[in-house]
Amino acid sequence: LLKEVRHTVFKNNKSHNKLLFNLLIKEEALLISAKCRDVAEPINI
């Protein structure tokens, strides 16, 4: 994991940090990892 990219949203007068995606690093690749609502495992791009 290099970075969790989050976005702050306000709901019911409270701030929530929603995870948008993770930036991952492999030996020779940069990956974006995102999880959709109806999918069990994250999708790595």
All heavy atoms as atom14 arrays in JSON, in Angstrom:
{
  "sequence": "LLKEVRHTVFKNNKSHNKLLFNLLIKEEALLISAKCRDVAEPINI",
  "atom14_mask": [
    [1, 1, 1, 1, 1, 1, 1, 1, 0, 0, 0, 0, 0, 0],
    [1, 1, 1, 1, 1, 1, 1, 1, 0, 0, 0, 0, 0, 0],
    [1, 1, 1, 1, 1, 1, 1, 1, 1, 0, 0, 0, 0, 0],
    [1, 1, 1, 1, 1, 1, 1, 1, 1, 0, 0, 0, 0, 0],
    [1, 1, 1, 1, 1, 1, 1, 0, 0, 0, 0, 0, 0, 0],
    [1, 1, 1, 1, 1, 1, 1, 1, 1, 1, 1, 0, 0, 0],
    [1, 1, 1, 1, 1, 1, 1, 1, 1, 1, 0, 0, 0, 0],
    [1, 1, 1, 1, 1, 1, 1, 0, 0, 0, 0, 0, 0, 0],
    [1, 1, 1, 1, 1, 1, 1, 0, 0, 0, 0, 0, 0, 0],
    [1, 1, 1, 1, 1, 1, 1, 1, 1, 1, 1, 0, 0, 0],
    [1, 1, 1, 1, 1, 1, 1, 1, 1, 0, 0, 0, 0, 0],
    [1, 1, 1, 1, 1, 1, 1, 1, 0, 0, 0, 0, 0, 0],
    [1, 1, 1, 1, 1, 1, 1, 1, 0, 0, 0, 0, 0, 0],
    [1, 1, 1, 1, 1, 1, 1, 1, 1, 0, 0, 0, 0, 0],
    [1, 1, 1, 1, 1, 1, 0, 0, 0, 0, 0, 0, 0, 0],
    [1, 1, 1, 1, 1, 1, 1, 1, 1, 1, 0, 0, 0, 0],
    [1, 1, 1, 1, 1, 1, 1, 1, 0, 0, 0, 0, 0, 0],
    [1, 1, 1, 1, 1, 1, 1, 1, 1, 0, 0, 0, 0, 0],
    [1, 1, 1, 1, 1, 1, 1, 1, 0, 0, 0, 0, 0, 0],
    [1, 1, 1, 1, 1, 1, 1, 1, 0, 0, 0, 0, 0, 0],
    [1, 1, 1, 1, 1, 1, 1, 1, 1, 1, 1, 0, 0, 0],
    [1, 1, 1, 1, 1, 1, 1, 1, 0, 0, 0, 0, 0, 0],
    [1, 1, 1, 1, 1, 1, 1, 1, 0, 0, 0, 0, 0, 0],
    [1, 1, 1, 1, 1, 1, 1, 1, 0, 0, 0, 0, 0, 0],
    [1, 1, 1, 1, 1, 1, 1, 1, 0, 0, 0, 0, 0, 0],
    [1, 1, 1, 1, 1, 1, 1, 1, 1, 0, 0, 0, 0, 0],
    [1, 1, 1, 1, 1, 1, 1, 1, 1, 0, 0, 0, 0, 0],
    [1, 1, 1, 1, 1, 1, 1, 1, 1, 0, 0, 0, 0, 0],
    [1, 1, 1, 1, 1, 0, 0, 0, 0, 0, 0, 0, 0, 0],
    [1, 1, 1, 1, 1, 1, 1, 1, 0, 0, 0, 0, 0, 0],
    [1, 1, 1, 1, 1, 1, 1, 1, 0, 0, 0, 0, 0, 0],
    [1, 1, 1, 1, 1, 1, 1, 1, 0, 0, 0, 0, 0, 0],
    [1, 1, 1, 1, 1, 1, 0, 0, 0, 0, 0, 0, 0, 0],
    [1, 1, 1, 1, 1, 0, 0, 0, 0, 0, 0, 0, 0, 0],
    [1, 1, 1, 1, 1, 1, 1, 1, 1, 0, 0, 0, 0, 0],
    [1, 1, 1, 1, 1, 1, 0, 0, 0, 0, 0, 0, 0, 0],
    [1, 1, 1, 1, 1, 1, 1, 1, 1, 1, 1, 0, 0, 0],
    [1, 1, 1, 1, 1, 1, 1, 1, 0, 0, 0, 0, 0, 0],
    [1, 1, 1, 1, 1, 1, 1, 0, 0, 0, 0, 0, 0, 0],
    [1, 1, 1, 1, 1, 0, 0, 0, 0, 0, 0, 0, 0, 0],
    [1, 1, 1, 1, 1, 1, 1, 1, 1, 0, 0, 0, 0, 0],
    [1, 1, 1, 1, 1, 1, 1, 0, 0, 0, 0, 0, 0, 0],
    [1, 1, 1, 1, 1, 1, 1, 1, 0, 0, 0, 0, 0, 0],
    [1, 1, 1, 1, 1, 1, 1, 1, 0, 0, 0, 0, 0, 0],
    [1, 1, 1, 1, 1, 1, 1, 1, 0, 0, 0, 0, 0, 0]
  ],
  "atom14_positions": [
    [[0.83, -1.2, 0.0], [0.0, 0.0, 0.0], [0.87, 1.25, 0.0], [1.73, 1.42, 0.85], [-0.91, 0.0, 1.24], [-1.81, 1.22, 1.42], [-2.85, 1.29, 0.32], [-2.47, 1.18, 2.77], [0.0, 0.0, 0.0], [0.0, 0.0, 0.0], [0.0, 0.0, 0.0], [0.0, 0.0, 0.0], [0.0, 0.0, 0.0], [0.0, 0.0, 0.0]],
    [[0.64, 2.12, -0.97], [1.3, 3.43, -1.0], [0.43, 4.5, -0.38], [0.88, 5.32, 0.4], [1.63, 3.84, -2.44], [2.81, 3.18, -3.11], [2.96, 3.72, -4.53], [4.08, 3.41, -2.34], [0.0, 0.0, 0.0], [0.0, 0.0, 0.0], [0.0, 0.0, 0.0], [0.0, 0.0, 0.0], [0.0, 0.0, 0.0], [0.0, 0.0, 0.0]],
    [[-0.86, 4.51, -0.74], [-1.73, 5.59, -0.3], [-3.19, 5.16, -0.35], [-3.61, 4.51, -1.29], [-1.52, 6.81, -1.21], [-2.34, 8.01, -0.93], [-1.78, 8.8, 0.21], [-2.59, 10.07, 0.4], [-2.26, 10.77, 1.59], [0.0, 0.0, 0.0], [0.0, 0.0, 0.0], [0.0, 0.0, 0.0], [0.0, 0.0, 0.0], [0.0, 0.0, 0.0]],
    [[-3.93, 5.51, 0.69], [-5.39, 5.4, 0.66], [-5.92, 6.75, 0.22], [-5.62, 7.77, 0.84], [-5.96, 5.07, 2.04], [-5.78, 3.67, 2.49], [-6.48, 3.4, 3.82], [-6.79, 4.36, 4.56], [-6.7, 2.22, 4.1], [0.0, 0.0, 0.0], [0.0, 0.0, 0.0], [0.0, 0.0, 0.0], [0.0, 0.0, 0.0], [0.0, 0.0, 0.0]],
    [[-6.69, 6.76, -0.83], [-7.26, 8.02, -1.33], [-8.7, 8.09, -0.83], [-9.52, 7.24, -1.15], [-7.19, 8.09, -2.87], [-7.81, 9.38, -3.37], [-5.74, 7.97, -3.33], [0.0, 0.0, 0.0], [0.0, 0.0, 0.0], [0.0, 0.0, 0.0], [0.0, 0.0, 0.0], [0.0, 0.0, 0.0], [0.0, 0.0, 0.0], [0.0, 0.0, 0.0]],
    [[-8.96, 9.12, -0.03], [-10.28, 9.27, 0.61], [-10.89, 10.62, 0.23], [-10.19, 11.54, -0.14], [-10.15, 9.16, 2.12], [-9.68, 7.78, 2.56], [-9.64, 7.65, 4.06], [-9.38, 6.28, 4.45], [-10.31, 5.35, 4.64], [-11.59, 5.67, 4.47], [-10.0, 4.12, 4.99], [0.0, 0.0, 0.0], [0.0, 0.0, 0.0], [0.0, 0.0, 0.0]],
    [[-12.2, 10.67, 0.38], [-12.96, 11.89, 0.11], [-13.88, 12.13, 1.31], [-14.56, 11.22, 1.77], [-13.78, 11.72, -1.17], [-14.65, 12.89, -1.47], [-14.15, 14.11, -1.83], [-16.0, 13.01, -1.45], [-15.16, 14.95, -2.03], [-16.28, 14.31, -1.81], [0.0, 0.0, 0.0], [0.0, 0.0, 0.0], [0.0, 0.0, 0.0], [0.0, 0.0, 0.0]],
    [[-13.89, 13.34, 1.8], [-14.73, 13.67, 2.95], [-16.12, 14.07, 2.48], [-16.27, 14.94, 1.62], [-14.11, 14.83, 3.77], [-12.8, 14.43, 4.18], [-14.93, 15.15, 4.99], [0.0, 0.0, 0.0], [0.0, 0.0, 0.0], [0.0, 0.0, 0.0], [0.0, 0.0, 0.0], [0.0, 0.0, 0.0], [0.0, 0.0, 0.0], [0.0, 0.0, 0.0]],
    [[-17.11, 13.39, 3.04], [-18.5, 13.73, 2.76], [-19.18, 14.07, 4.09], [-18.77, 13.59, 5.14], [-19.25, 12.58, 2.05], [-18.69, 12.33, 0.67], [-19.23, 11.31, 2.87], [0.0, 0.0, 0.0], [0.0, 0.0, 0.0], [0.0, 0.0, 0.0], [0.0, 0.0, 0.0], [0.0, 0.0, 0.0], [0.0, 0.0, 0.0], [0.0, 0.0, 0.0]],
    [[-20.19, 14.88, 4.02], [-20.94, 15.26, 5.21], [-22.33, 14.63, 5.14], [-23.05, 14.79, 4.17], [-21.04, 16.79, 5.33], [-19.7, 17.42, 5.59], [-18.92, 17.89, 4.54], [-19.21, 17.5, 6.89], [-17.68, 18.45, 4.79], [-17.97, 18.06, 7.14], [-17.2, 18.55, 6.09], [0.0, 0.0, 0.0], [0.0, 0.0, 0.0], [0.0, 0.0, 0.0]],
    [[-22.65, 13.88, 6.21], [-23.93, 13.19, 6.27], [-24.43, 13.33, 7.7], [-23.71, 13.02, 8.65], [-23.74, 11.72, 5.9], [-25.0, 10.96, 5.72], [-24.68, 9.55, 5.22], [-25.93, 8.8, 4.93], [-25.65, 7.46, 4.44], [0.0, 0.0, 0.0], [0.0, 0.0, 0.0], [0.0, 0.0, 0.0], [0.0, 0.0, 0.0], [0.0, 0.0, 0.0]],
    [[-25.65, 13.81, 7.86], [-26.24, 14.02, 9.18], [-25.35, 14.92, 10.05], [-25.12, 14.63, 11.22], [-26.5, 12.69, 9.89], [-27.46, 11.81, 9.14], [-28.36, 12.31, 8.46], [-27.27, 10.51, 9.23], [0.0, 0.0, 0.0], [0.0, 0.0, 0.0], [0.0, 0.0, 0.0], [0.0, 0.0, 0.0], [0.0, 0.0, 0.0], [0.0, 0.0, 0.0]],
    [[-24.82, 15.96, 9.44], [-23.95, 16.93, 10.12], [-22.67, 16.32, 10.69], [-22.09, 16.84, 11.63], [-24.7, 17.68, 11.23], [-25.81, 18.54, 10.67], [-25.67, 19.12, 9.59], [-26.91, 18.65, 11.39], [0.0, 0.0, 0.0], [0.0, 0.0, 0.0], [0.0, 0.0, 0.0], [0.0, 0.0, 0.0], [0.0, 0.0, 0.0], [0.0, 0.0, 0.0]],
    [[-22.25, 15.2, 10.15], [-21.0, 14.57, 10.54], [-20.15, 14.33, 9.3], [-20.68, 14.03, 8.23], [-21.25, 13.22, 11.23], [-21.97, 13.32, 12.54], [-22.15, 11.94, 13.15], [-22.94, 12.03, 14.44], [-23.2, 10.7, 14.99], [0.0, 0.0, 0.0], [0.0, 0.0, 0.0], [0.0, 0.0, 0.0], [0.0, 0.0, 0.0], [0.0, 0.0, 0.0]],
    [[-18.86, 14.48, 9.46], [-17.99, 14.21, 8.32], [-17.57, 12.74, 8.33], [-17.32, 12.15, 9.38], [-16.76, 15.11, 8.35], [-15.94, 14.8, 9.43], [0.0, 0.0, 0.0], [0.0, 0.0, 0.0], [0.0, 0.0, 0.0], [0.0, 0.0, 0.0], [0.0, 0.0, 0.0], [0.0, 0.0, 0.0], [0.0, 0.0, 0.0], [0.0, 0.0, 0.0]],
    [[-17.54, 12.17, 7.14], [-17.12, 10.78, 6.95], [-16.05, 10.76, 5.86], [-16.21, 11.4, 4.82], [-18.29, 9.9, 6.51], [-19.41, 9.86, 7.49], [-19.42, 9.01, 8.57], [-20.57, 10.57, 7.56], [-20.53, 9.2, 9.26], [-21.25, 10.14, 8.66], [0.0, 0.0, 0.0], [0.0, 0.0, 0.0], [0.0, 0.0, 0.0], [0.0, 0.0, 0.0]],
    [[-14.99, 10.02, 6.09], [-13.95, 9.86, 5.08], [-14.2, 8.57, 4.32], [-13.94, 7.48, 4.81], [-12.55, 9.81, 5.73], [-12.13, 11.16, 6.23], [-12.44, 12.17, 5.62], [-11.45, 11.18, 7.35], [0.0, 0.0, 0.0], [0.0, 0.0, 0.0], [0.0, 0.0, 0.0], [0.0, 0.0, 0.0], [0.0, 0.0, 0.0], [0.0, 0.0, 0.0]],
    [[-14.72, 8.71, 3.12], [-15.04, 7.55, 2.29], [-13.81, 7.17, 1.47], [-13.17, 8.01, 0.85], [-16.19, 7.87, 1.33], [-17.48, 8.23, 2.01], [-18.13, 7.02, 2.61], [-19.47, 7.38, 3.21], [-20.16, 6.23, 3.73], [0.0, 0.0, 0.0], [0.0, 0.0, 0.0], [0.0, 0.0, 0.0], [0.0, 0.0, 0.0], [0.0, 0.0, 0.0]],
    [[-13.49, 5.88, 1.48], [-12.37, 5.38, 0.7], [-12.78, 5.34, -0.77], [-13.77, 4.72, -1.14], [-11.99, 3.97, 1.17], [-10.85, 3.3, 0.43], [-9.54, 4.07, 0.63], [-10.69, 1.86, 0.89], [0.0, 0.0, 0.0], [0.0, 0.0, 0.0], [0.0, 0.0, 0.0], [0.0, 0.0, 0.0], [0.0, 0.0, 0.0], [0.0, 0.0, 0.0]],
    [[-12.0, 6.03, -1.61], [-12.24, 5.99, -3.05], [-11.47, 4.85, -3.69], [-12.02, 4.05, -4.44], [-11.84, 7.32, -3.7], [-12.63, 8.54, -3.27], [-12.08, 9.79, -3.92], [-14.1, 8.37, -3.59], [0.0, 0.0, 0.0], [0.0, 0.0, 0.0], [0.0, 0.0, 0.0], [0.0, 0.0, 0.0], [0.0, 0.0, 0.0], [0.0, 0.0, 0.0]],
    [[-10.17, 4.8, -3.4], [-9.33, 3.72, -3.92], [-8.02, 3.7, -3.17], [-7.68, 4.64, -2.45], [-9.08, 3.86, -5.42], [-8.37, 5.11, -5.84], [-6.98, 5.15, -5.89], [-9.06, 6.25, -6.19], [-6.31, 6.3, -6.26], [-8.4, 7.41, -6.58], [-7.02, 7.44, -6.62], [0.0, 0.0, 0.0], [0.0, 0.0, 0.0], [0.0, 0.0, 0.0]],
    [[-7.29, 2.59, -3.33], [-5.94, 2.46, -2.78], [-4.94, 2.49, -3.93], [-5.21, 1.92, -5.0], [-5.77, 1.14, -2.03], [-6.5, 1.12, -0.72], [-6.57, 2.12, -0.03], [-7.07, -0.01, -0.37], [0.0, 0.0, 0.0], [0.0, 0.0, 0.0], [0.0, 0.0, 0.0], [0.0, 0.0, 0.0], [0.0, 0.0, 0.0], [0.0, 0.0, 0.0]],
    [[-3.83, 3.14, -3.72], [-2.73, 3.11, -4.68], [-1.74, 2.09, -4.16], [-1.23, 2.22, -3.04], [-2.08, 4.49, -4.81], [-1.0, 4.63, -5.86], [-1.55, 4.32, -7.25], [-0.42, 6.02, -5.84], [0.0, 0.0, 0.0], [0.0, 0.0, 0.0], [0.0, 0.0, 0.0], [0.0, 0.0, 0.0], [0.0, 0.0, 0.0], [0.0, 0.0, 0.0]],
    [[-1.52, 1.03, -4.95], [-0.64, -0.06, -4.56], [0.59, -0.08, -5.47], [0.55, 0.43, -6.59], [-1.36, -1.4, -4.69], [-2.68, -1.56, -3.94], [-3.32, -2.89, -4.28], [-2.47, -1.43, -2.45], [0.0, 0.0, 0.0], [0.0, 0.0, 0.0], [0.0, 0.0, 0.0], [0.0, 0.0, 0.0], [0.0, 0.0, 0.0], [0.0, 0.0, 0.0]],
    [[1.65, -0.71, -4.96], [2.87, -0.85, -5.76], [3.26, -2.32, -5.76], [3.2, -2.99, -4.73], [4.0, 0.05, -5.22], [5.21, 0.06, -6.14], [4.41, -0.33, -3.82], [5.06, 0.9, -7.34], [0.0, 0.0, 0.0], [0.0, 0.0, 0.0], [0.0, 0.0, 0.0], [0.0, 0.0, 0.0], [0.0, 0.0, 0.0], [0.0, 0.0, 0.0]],
    [[3.57, -2.85, -6.93], [4.17, -4.17, -7.07], [5.56, -3.95, -7.64], [5.94, -2.82, -7.92], [3.34, -5.05, -8.02], [2.11, -5.62, -7.37], [1.25, -6.45, -8.27], [1.94, -7.52, -9.02], [1.05, -8.39, -9.78], [0.0, 0.0, 0.0], [0.0, 0.0, 0.0], [0.0, 0.0, 0.0], [0.0, 0.0, 0.0], [0.0, 0.0, 0.0]],
    [[6.3, -5.02, -7.85], [7.7, -4.86, -8.23], [7.89, -3.99, -9.48], [8.77, -3.16, -9.52], [8.39, -6.2, -8.43], [9.88, -6.02, -8.61], [10.67, -7.28, -8.43], [10.09, -8.3, -8.01], [11.86, -7.25, -8.7], [0.0, 0.0, 0.0], [0.0, 0.0, 0.0], [0.0, 0.0, 0.0], [0.0, 0.0, 0.0], [0.0, 0.0, 0.0]],
    [[7.05, -4.15, -10.48], [7.19, -3.33, -11.69], [5.86, -2.74, -12.12], [5.64, -2.51, -13.31], [7.8, -4.15, -12.83], [9.26, -4.49, -12.62], [9.91, -5.11, -13.84], [9.24, -5.34, -14.85], [11.12, -5.34, -13.77], [0.0, 0.0, 0.0], [0.0, 0.0, 0.0], [0.0, 0.0, 0.0], [0.0, 0.0, 0.0], [0.0, 0.0, 0.0]],
    [[4.97, -2.46, -11.17], [3.65, -1.96, -11.56], [3.03, -1.1, -10.46], [3.15, -1.4, -9.28], [2.71, -3.13, -11.87], [0.0, 0.0, 0.0], [0.0, 0.0, 0.0], [0.0, 0.0, 0.0], [0.0, 0.0, 0.0], [0.0, 0.0, 0.0], [0.0, 0.0, 0.0], [0.0, 0.0, 0.0], [0.0, 0.0, 0.0], [0.0, 0.0, 0.0]],
    [[2.37, -0.04, -10.9], [1.53, 0.78, -10.02], [0.09, 0.34, -10.26], [-0.35, 0.24, -11.41], [1.67, 2.27, -10.36], [2.93, 2.95, -9.88], [3.08, 4.3, -10.56], [2.89, 3.12, -8.38], [0.0, 0.0, 0.0], [0.0, 0.0, 0.0], [0.0, 0.0, 0.0], [0.0, 0.0, 0.0], [0.0, 0.0, 0.0], [0.0, 0.0, 0.0]],
    [[-0.64, 0.11, -9.17], [-2.0, -0.4, -9.28], [-2.97, 0.51, -8.55], [-2.65, 1.08, -7.51], [-2.11, -1.79, -8.65], [-1.16, -2.87, -9.15], [-1.25, -4.09, -8.25], [-1.47, -3.24, -10.57], [0.0, 0.0, 0.0], [0.0, 0.0, 0.0], [0.0, 0.0, 0.0], [0.0, 0.0, 0.0], [0.0, 0.0, 0.0], [0.0, 0.0, 0.0]],
    [[-4.17, 0.62, -9.11], [-5.29, 1.25, -8.42], [-6.17, 0.09, -7.98], [-6.54, -0.77, -8.78], [-6.08, 2.2, -9.33], [-5.22, 3.4, -9.7], [-7.36, 2.64, -8.66], [-5.89, 4.33, -10.69], [0.0, 0.0, 0.0], [0.0, 0.0, 0.0], [0.0, 0.0, 0.0], [0.0, 0.0, 0.0], [0.0, 0.0, 0.0], [0.0, 0.0, 0.0]],
    [[-6.51, 0.05, -6.7], [-7.36, -1.0, -6.16], [-8.65, -0.36, -5.66], [-8.62, 0.49, -4.78], [-6.64, -1.72, -5.01], [-7.46, -2.72, -4.48], [0.0, 0.0, 0.0], [0.0, 0.0, 0.0], [0.0, 0.0, 0.0], [0.0, 0.0, 0.0], [0.0, 0.0, 0.0], [0.0, 0.0, 0.0], [0.0, 0.0, 0.0], [0.0, 0.0, 0.0]],
    [[-9.76, -0.78, -6.24], [-11.06, -0.22, -5.87], [-12.04, -1.36, -5.63], [-11.97, -2.39, -6.3], [-11.57, 0.7, -6.97], [0.0, 0.0, 0.0], [0.0, 0.0, 0.0], [0.0, 0.0, 0.0], [0.0, 0.0, 0.0], [0.0, 0.0, 0.0], [0.0, 0.0, 0.0], [0.0, 0.0, 0.0], [0.0, 0.0, 0.0], [0.0, 0.0, 0.0]],
    [[-12.94, -1.15, -4.7], [-13.94, -2.17, -4.39], [-15.32, -1.62, -4.7], [-15.7, -0.57, -4.2], [-13.85, -2.57, -2.92], [-14.72, -3.75, -2.57], [-14.43, -4.21, -1.16], [-15.28, -5.37, -0.77], [-16.69, -5.11, -0.73], [0.0, 0.0, 0.0], [0.0, 0.0, 0.0], [0.0, 0.0, 0.0], [0.0, 0.0, 0.0], [0.0, 0.0, 0.0]],
    [[-16.04, -2.34, -5.52], [-17.42, -1.97, -5.85], [-18.36, -2.53, -4.79], [-18.03, -3.49, -4.1], [-17.8, -2.53, -7.22], [-16.71, -1.98, -8.54], [0.0, 0.0, 0.0], [0.0, 0.0, 0.0], [0.0, 0.0, 0.0], [0.0, 0.0, 0.0], [0.0, 0.0, 0.0], [0.0, 0.0, 0.0], [0.0, 0.0, 0.0], [0.0, 0.0, 0.0]],
    [[-19.52, -1.96, -4.69], [-20.47, -2.4, -3.65], [-20.84, -3.86, -3.73], [-20.9, -4.54, -2.74], [-21.75, -1.58, -3.74], [-21.64, -0.24, -3.15], [-22.98, 0.44, -3.21], [-22.76, 1.85, -2.95], [-23.57, 2.6, -2.28], [-24.7, 2.11, -1.84], [-23.31, 3.85, -2.07], [0.0, 0.0, 0.0], [0.0, 0.0, 0.0], [0.0, 0.0, 0.0]],
    [[-21.14, -4.35, -4.91], [-21.65, -5.71, -5.05], [-20.57, -6.75, -5.34], [-20.88, -7.88, -5.68], [-22.71, -5.76, -6.16], [-23.89, -4.87, -5.84], [-24.16, -4.67, -4.64], [-24.55, -4.38, -6.77], [0.0, 0.0, 0.0], [0.0, 0.0, 0.0], [0.0, 0.0, 0.0], [0.0, 0.0, 0.0], [0.0, 0.0, 0.0], [0.0, 0.0, 0.0]],
    [[-19.3, -6.36, -5.2], [-18.19, -7.27, -5.49], [-17.45, -7.58, -4.19], [-17.15, -6.68, -3.41], [-17.23, -6.63, -6.52], [-16.06, -7.54, -6.82], [-17.97, -6.27, -7.79], [0.0, 0.0, 0.0], [0.0, 0.0, 0.0], [0.0, 0.0, 0.0], [0.0, 0.0, 0.0], [0.0, 0.0, 0.0], [0.0, 0.0, 0.0], [0.0, 0.0, 0.0]],
    [[-17.17, -8.85, -3.97], [-16.53, -9.26, -2.72], [-15.07, -8.82, -2.63], [-14.61, -8.37, -1.6], [-16.63, -10.77, -2.56], [0.0, 0.0, 0.0], [0.0, 0.0, 0.0], [0.0, 0.0, 0.0], [0.0, 0.0, 0.0], [0.0, 0.0, 0.0], [0.0, 0.0, 0.0], [0.0, 0.0, 0.0], [0.0, 0.0, 0.0], [0.0, 0.0, 0.0]],
    [[-14.34, -8.96, -3.71], [-12.91, -8.66, -3.72], [-12.64, -7.34, -4.46], [-13.33, -7.02, -5.43], [-12.13, -9.78, -4.42], [-12.19, -11.11, -3.68], [-11.47, -11.07, -2.35], [-10.37, -10.47, -2.28], [-12.01, -11.62, -1.38], [0.0, 0.0, 0.0], [0.0, 0.0, 0.0], [0.0, 0.0, 0.0], [0.0, 0.0, 0.0], [0.0, 0.0, 0.0]],
    [[-11.61, -6.6, -4.05], [-11.24, -5.39, -4.78], [-10.75, -5.71, -6.19], [-10.22, -6.8, -6.44], [-10.1, -4.79, -3.96], [-10.05, -5.53, -2.69], [-10.77, -6.81, -2.87], [0.0, 0.0, 0.0], [0.0, 0.0, 0.0], [0.0, 0.0, 0.0], [0.0, 0.0, 0.0], [0.0, 0.0, 0.0], [0.0, 0.0, 0.0], [0.0, 0.0, 0.0]],
    [[-10.93, -4.77, -7.08], [-10.45, -4.9, -8.46], [-9.16, -4.11, -8.57], [-9.13, -2.92, -8.23], [-11.51, -4.36, -9.45], [-12.8, -5.17, -9.31], [-10.98, -4.39, -10.86], [-13.98, -4.54, -10.0], [0.0, 0.0, 0.0], [0.0, 0.0, 0.0], [0.0, 0.0, 0.0], [0.0, 0.0, 0.0], [0.0, 0.0, 0.0], [0.0, 0.0, 0.0]],
    [[-8.09, -4.77, -9.0], [-6.8, -4.11, -9.18], [-6.59, -3.78, -10.65], [-6.7, -4.65, -11.51], [-5.66, -5.0, -8.69], [-5.7, -5.2, -7.19], [-6.21, -4.36, -6.46], [-5.17, -6.31, -6.73], [0.0, 0.0, 0.0], [0.0, 0.0, 0.0], [0.0, 0.0, 0.0], [0.0, 0.0, 0.0], [0.0, 0.0, 0.0], [0.0, 0.0, 0.0]],
    [[-6.29, -2.51, -10.91], [-6.09, -2.03, -12.27], [-4.66, -1.54, -12.39], [-4.24, -0.65, -11.64], [-7.07, -0.89, -12.6], [-8.5, -1.36, -12.37], [-6.87, -0.4, -14.02], [-9.49, -0.24, -12.15], [0.0, 0.0, 0.0], [0.0, 0.0, 0.0], [0.0, 0.0, 0.0], [0.0, 0.0, 0.0], [0.0, 0.0, 0.0], [0.0, 0.0, 0.0]]
  ]
}
